[in-house]
Amino acid sequence: MRLAITQPNFLPWLGYFELLDYVDVWVSLDNVQLSRGSFVLRNRVRRPDGAVEWLSLSIPKKCPLQTSIQEAPISTNGWQDRIIRKLQSYYRNAPFYEQFGDRVAELLSSHADAPGVAALNEIIIHELSSWLGIEYQFHRASDLEPGLQGDPQEKVLSLIRHFDADVYCNFAGGVDEGLYDSAAFARQGVSLQRQAYAHPSYSQHGGGFEPYLSVLDLLFETGDEALGIIRSGRGWEEVPARDAEVSS
């Protein structure tokens, strides 16, 4: 069984959905501290002139820095309407905006009463996954380990113990930053895999191409071809464990 444990990001990029499509189980890491500059609160889209702009989920300015993603409240300042207007302005001439524009607007506007940032992002991710045809088993870290503690690796290993997983799948960034020691996973009988995603290109209206955008860009530009395009960039690498560490 392949398992992924990730923070629930806002309107994620293609590689995020490739990860969800690849694994059997996704655990939303919702009981970790919120970072205001992270992808949990924002993501990027493309204007017709090729410029990139951020779309941001708004939280109250007085939200304490130590607040968890699960507990962080959502602002009631009309940020959803601002995003919807931007998407209409930027993508109204995209080939599949008519198919998905209203659905995205409804998705953003109909969950203003979500209890926090994590819950809202999970709803959005589940809905976008269903549009794409991606299925996975879902759990929340806060349900499995309410008092989750330790460094990133300790938190992940603690959550893995709840599942009969033999493969743990992680984005390249966490592995490359040295957050995880593959030997520690091997001692639990789990292999560590690193995503090696080769971002695919696709036609974007207005000409040119900008990668690493929210999956909304892909949906508006390619419609029902989106999942095939996401899968075309698939690549995973097993992170080897050193024999000496495994046997220690």
Protein backbone atom coordinates (compact mmCIF):
# COMPACT_ATOMS: atom_id res chain seq x y z
CA MET A 1 0.00 0.00 0.00
CA ARG A 2 1.26 3.44 -0.96
CA LEU A 3 0.73 6.22 1.57
CA ALA A 4 1.16 10.01 1.39
CA ILE A 5 0.99 12.51 4.24
CA THR A 6 0.80 16.13 3.10
CA GLN A 7 -0.53 19.45 4.23
CA PRO A 8 -3.82 20.30 2.48
CA ASN A 9 -2.80 23.03 0.05
CA PHE A 10 -5.02 25.62 -1.59
CA LEU A 11 -5.92 24.91 -5.23
CA PRO A 12 -2.79 22.74 -5.66
CA TRP A 13 -0.53 22.29 -8.67
CA LEU A 14 -0.40 19.33 -11.05
CA GLY A 15 2.23 17.38 -9.11
CA TYR A 16 0.06 17.41 -5.99
CA PHE A 17 -2.73 15.65 -7.86
CA GLU A 18 -0.27 13.23 -9.47
CA LEU A 19 0.73 12.24 -5.93
CA LEU A 20 -2.91 11.70 -4.93
CA ASP A 21 -3.49 9.66 -8.09
CA TYR A 22 -0.40 7.52 -7.36
CA VAL A 23 -1.12 6.60 -3.73
CA ASP A 24 -3.78 4.46 -2.09
CA VAL A 25 -4.15 6.55 1.07
CA TRP A 26 -3.81 10.29 1.64
CA VAL A 27 -3.47 11.65 5.18
CA SER A 28 -4.12 15.38 5.48
CA LEU A 29 -1.48 16.79 7.82
CA ASP A 30 -3.87 19.28 9.36
CA ASN A 31 -2.49 19.54 12.90
CA VAL A 32 0.75 21.37 12.14
CA GLN A 33 1.48 25.06 12.46
CA LEU A 34 0.18 27.38 9.75
CA SER A 35 2.70 29.39 7.74
CA ARG A 36 1.29 32.54 6.15
CA GLY A 37 3.58 32.30 3.12
CA SER A 38 2.89 28.64 2.33
CA PHE A 39 0.86 27.01 -0.42
CA VAL A 40 -1.73 26.17 2.21
CA LEU A 41 -3.00 29.72 1.72
CA ARG A 42 -2.22 30.55 -1.89
CA ASN A 43 -1.42 29.34 -5.38
CA ARG A 44 -0.66 30.72 -8.81
CA VAL A 45 -2.61 31.22 -12.03
CA ARG A 46 -1.70 32.79 -15.38
CA ARG A 47 -3.06 35.92 -16.97
CA PRO A 48 -3.61 35.96 -20.76
CA ASP A 49 -0.52 38.17 -21.17
CA GLY A 50 1.59 35.40 -19.62
CA ALA A 51 2.13 37.09 -16.26
CA VAL A 52 1.61 35.00 -13.14
CA GLU A 53 -0.58 36.09 -10.25
CA TRP A 54 -1.31 34.65 -6.82
CA LEU A 55 -4.76 33.64 -5.62
CA SER A 56 -4.95 33.74 -1.83
CA LEU A 57 -7.24 32.26 0.77
CA SER A 58 -7.73 34.94 3.42
CA ILE A 59 -7.39 34.47 7.18
CA PRO A 60 -7.83 37.15 9.87
CA LYS A 61 -4.76 39.32 10.42
CA LYS A 62 -4.95 38.68 14.15
CA CYS A 63 -4.74 34.90 13.73
CA PRO A 64 -1.87 33.84 16.09
CA LEU A 65 1.28 32.56 14.43
CA GLN A 66 1.17 29.28 16.39
CA THR A 67 -2.31 28.42 15.09
CA SER A 68 -2.63 25.03 13.41
CA ILE A 69 -3.96 24.62 9.88
CA GLN A 70 -6.97 22.85 11.35
CA GLU A 71 -7.81 25.72 13.73
CA ALA A 72 -6.96 28.70 11.51
CA PRO A 73 -10.23 30.53 10.75
CA ILE A 74 -11.30 31.73 7.32
CA SER A 75 -11.93 35.44 6.76
CA THR A 76 -15.36 36.74 5.81
CA ASN A 77 -14.01 39.65 3.76
CA GLY A 78 -15.21 38.52 0.33
CA TRP A 79 -11.94 36.94 -0.82
CA GLN A 80 -13.87 34.20 -2.67
CA ASP A 81 -15.64 36.76 -4.87
CA ARG A 82 -12.33 38.45 -5.68
CA ILE A 83 -10.83 35.15 -6.80
CA ILE A 84 -13.90 34.29 -8.88
CA ARG A 85 -13.72 37.67 -10.66
CA LYS A 86 -10.02 37.20 -11.37
CA LEU A 87 -10.57 33.72 -12.79
CA GLN A 88 -13.34 35.01 -15.04
CA SER A 89 -11.15 37.88 -16.24
CA TYR A 90 -8.11 35.68 -16.91
CA TYR A 91 -9.76 32.54 -18.28
CA ARG A 92 -13.04 33.52 -19.93
CA ASN A 93 -11.46 32.84 -23.33
CA ALA A 94 -9.88 29.54 -22.28
CA PRO A 95 -11.30 26.53 -24.15
CA PHE A 96 -12.96 24.90 -21.13
CA TYR A 97 -13.78 27.86 -18.91
CA GLU A 98 -17.46 27.51 -19.80
CA GLN A 99 -17.39 23.90 -18.60
CA PHE A 100 -15.60 24.54 -15.31
CA GLY A 101 -15.93 28.25 -14.48
CA ASP A 102 -19.29 28.08 -12.71
CA ARG A 103 -18.32 24.87 -10.93
CA VAL A 104 -15.18 26.47 -9.54
CA ALA A 105 -17.14 29.56 -8.49
CA GLU A 106 -19.67 27.38 -6.68
CA LEU A 107 -16.91 25.37 -5.03
CA LEU A 108 -15.23 28.48 -3.66
CA SER A 109 -18.37 30.32 -2.60
CA SER A 110 -20.47 27.53 -1.10
CA HIS A 111 -18.13 26.52 1.71
CA ALA A 112 -17.60 29.83 3.48
CA ASP A 113 -18.78 28.16 6.69
CA ALA A 114 -15.97 25.57 6.69
CA PRO A 115 -14.58 25.33 10.25
CA GLY A 116 -11.04 26.21 9.24
CA VAL A 117 -8.40 26.39 6.54
CA ALA A 118 -7.64 22.66 6.52
CA ALA A 119 -11.29 21.66 6.18
CA LEU A 120 -11.87 24.10 3.32
CA ASN A 121 -8.77 22.96 1.44
CA GLU A 122 -9.69 19.31 1.94
CA ILE A 123 -13.15 19.97 0.48
CA ILE A 124 -11.61 21.72 -2.52
CA ILE A 125 -9.04 18.97 -3.09
CA HIS A 126 -11.68 16.22 -2.85
CA GLU A 127 -13.94 17.99 -5.34
CA LEU A 128 -11.17 18.75 -7.82
CA SER A 129 -9.98 15.13 -7.53
CA SER A 130 -13.47 13.89 -8.36
CA TRP A 131 -13.58 16.11 -11.45
CA LEU A 132 -10.23 14.73 -12.55
CA GLY A 133 -11.18 11.10 -11.84
CA ILE A 134 -8.74 10.58 -8.96
CA GLU A 135 -9.65 8.30 -6.06
CA TYR A 136 -7.92 7.68 -2.72
CA GLN A 137 -8.70 6.70 0.86
CA PHE A 138 -8.71 9.77 3.11
CA HIS A 139 -7.75 10.37 6.74
CA ARG A 140 -6.89 13.39 8.90
CA ALA A 141 -3.77 13.44 11.02
CA SER A 142 -5.71 15.16 13.81
CA ASP A 143 -8.03 12.15 14.02
CA LEU A 144 -5.16 9.66 14.08
CA GLU A 145 -2.73 11.54 16.34
CA PRO A 146 -4.40 14.53 18.05
CA GLY A 147 -1.22 15.40 19.96
CA LEU A 148 1.18 14.94 17.07
CA GLN A 149 4.68 16.05 18.10
CA GLY A 150 8.30 15.90 17.05
CA ASP A 151 10.25 16.85 13.96
CA PRO A 152 8.79 16.27 10.47
CA GLN A 153 10.14 12.73 10.26
CA GLU A 154 8.92 11.74 13.72
CA LYS A 155 5.44 13.03 12.89
CA VAL A 156 5.30 11.08 9.64
CA LEU A 157 6.60 7.85 11.18
CA SER A 158 4.05 8.14 13.99
CA LEU A 159 1.23 8.45 11.46
CA ILE A 160 2.54 5.63 9.27
CA ARG A 161 2.12 3.21 12.20
CA HIS A 162 -1.65 3.47 11.80
CA PHE A 163 -1.50 1.84 8.35
CA ASP A 164 -0.28 -1.35 6.76
CA ALA A 165 1.77 0.66 4.29
CA ASP A 166 4.91 -0.59 2.62
CA VAL A 167 5.67 2.58 0.61
CA TYR A 168 5.71 6.18 1.83
CA CYS A 169 5.51 8.73 -0.99
CA ASN A 170 6.77 12.27 -0.58
CA PHE A 171 7.32 15.37 -2.68
CA ALA A 172 10.88 15.96 -3.85
CA GLY A 173 11.28 19.07 -1.71
CA GLY A 174 11.05 17.34 1.65
CA VAL A 175 13.46 14.58 0.64
CA ASP A 176 15.94 16.95 -1.00
CA GLU A 177 15.93 19.22 2.05
CA GLY A 178 17.05 16.29 4.19
CA LEU A 179 13.90 16.11 6.32
CA TYR A 180 13.74 12.32 6.00
CA ASP A 181 16.22 9.51 6.60
CA SER A 182 15.25 6.54 4.46
CA ALA A 183 16.88 4.17 6.97
CA ALA A 184 14.35 5.17 9.64
CA PHE A 185 11.54 4.20 7.28
CA ALA A 186 13.26 0.95 6.38
CA ARG A 187 13.41 0.01 10.06
CA GLN A 188 9.61 0.21 10.04
CA GLY A 189 9.44 -1.95 6.93
CA VAL A 190 8.53 0.99 4.71
CA SER A 191 10.38 2.17 1.63
CA LEU A 192 10.68 5.91 1.00
CA GLN A 193 9.85 7.14 -2.49
CA ARG A 194 10.59 10.61 -3.84
CA GLN A 195 8.43 12.22 -6.49
CA ALA A 196 10.45 12.99 -9.62
CA TYR A 197 7.74 14.81 -11.53
CA ALA A 198 8.56 16.00 -15.05
CA HIS A 199 6.13 18.87 -15.49
CA PRO A 200 4.24 18.37 -18.77
CA SER A 201 3.48 21.22 -21.13
CA TYR A 202 0.07 21.93 -22.62
CA SER A 203 -1.55 24.66 -24.66
CA GLN A 204 -2.35 27.86 -22.73
CA HIS A 205 -4.51 30.47 -24.42
CA GLY A 206 -2.67 33.67 -25.23
CA GLY A 207 0.50 31.81 -26.24
CA GLY A 208 3.60 30.73 -24.36
CA PHE A 209 3.68 28.34 -21.45
CA GLU A 210 4.00 28.80 -17.70
CA PRO A 211 4.47 25.66 -15.52
CA TYR A 212 3.79 25.05 -11.82
CA LEU A 213 0.39 26.72 -11.71
CA SER A 214 -2.77 25.71 -9.89
CA VAL A 215 -4.54 22.75 -11.46
CA LEU A 216 -7.33 25.21 -12.32
CA ASP A 217 -5.20 26.43 -15.21
CA LEU A 218 -4.99 22.89 -16.56
CA LEU A 219 -8.73 22.30 -16.20
CA PHE A 220 -9.66 25.56 -17.95
CA GLU A 221 -7.19 24.91 -20.77
CA THR A 222 -7.53 21.14 -21.37
CA GLY A 223 -10.82 19.94 -19.86
CA ASP A 224 -11.26 16.17 -19.86
CA GLU A 225 -7.67 15.62 -20.98
CA ALA A 226 -6.37 16.96 -17.66
CA LEU A 227 -5.80 13.65 -15.86
CA GLY A 228 -3.89 12.15 -18.77
CA ILE A 229 -1.66 15.23 -18.86
CA ILE A 230 -1.08 15.02 -15.11
CA ARG A 231 -0.10 11.36 -15.38
CA SER A 232 2.24 12.02 -18.31
CA GLY A 233 4.72 13.66 -15.92
CA ARG A 234 4.80 10.73 -13.50
CA GLY A 235 8.13 9.66 -12.09
CA TRP A 236 9.02 8.14 -8.72
CA GLU A 237 12.39 7.18 -7.27
CA GLU A 238 13.10 4.94 -4.30
CA VAL A 239 15.40 6.66 -1.83
CA PRO A 240 17.99 4.03 -0.87
CA ALA A 241 18.80 3.35 2.78
CA ARG A 242 22.40 2.79 3.80
CA ASP A 243 22.91 -0.79 4.98
CA ALA A 244 24.75 0.28 8.10
CA GLU A 245 21.89 2.49 9.21
CA VAL A 246 19.25 -0.13 8.52
CA SER A 247 21.03 -2.75 10.62
CA SER A 248 21.78 -0.44 13.55
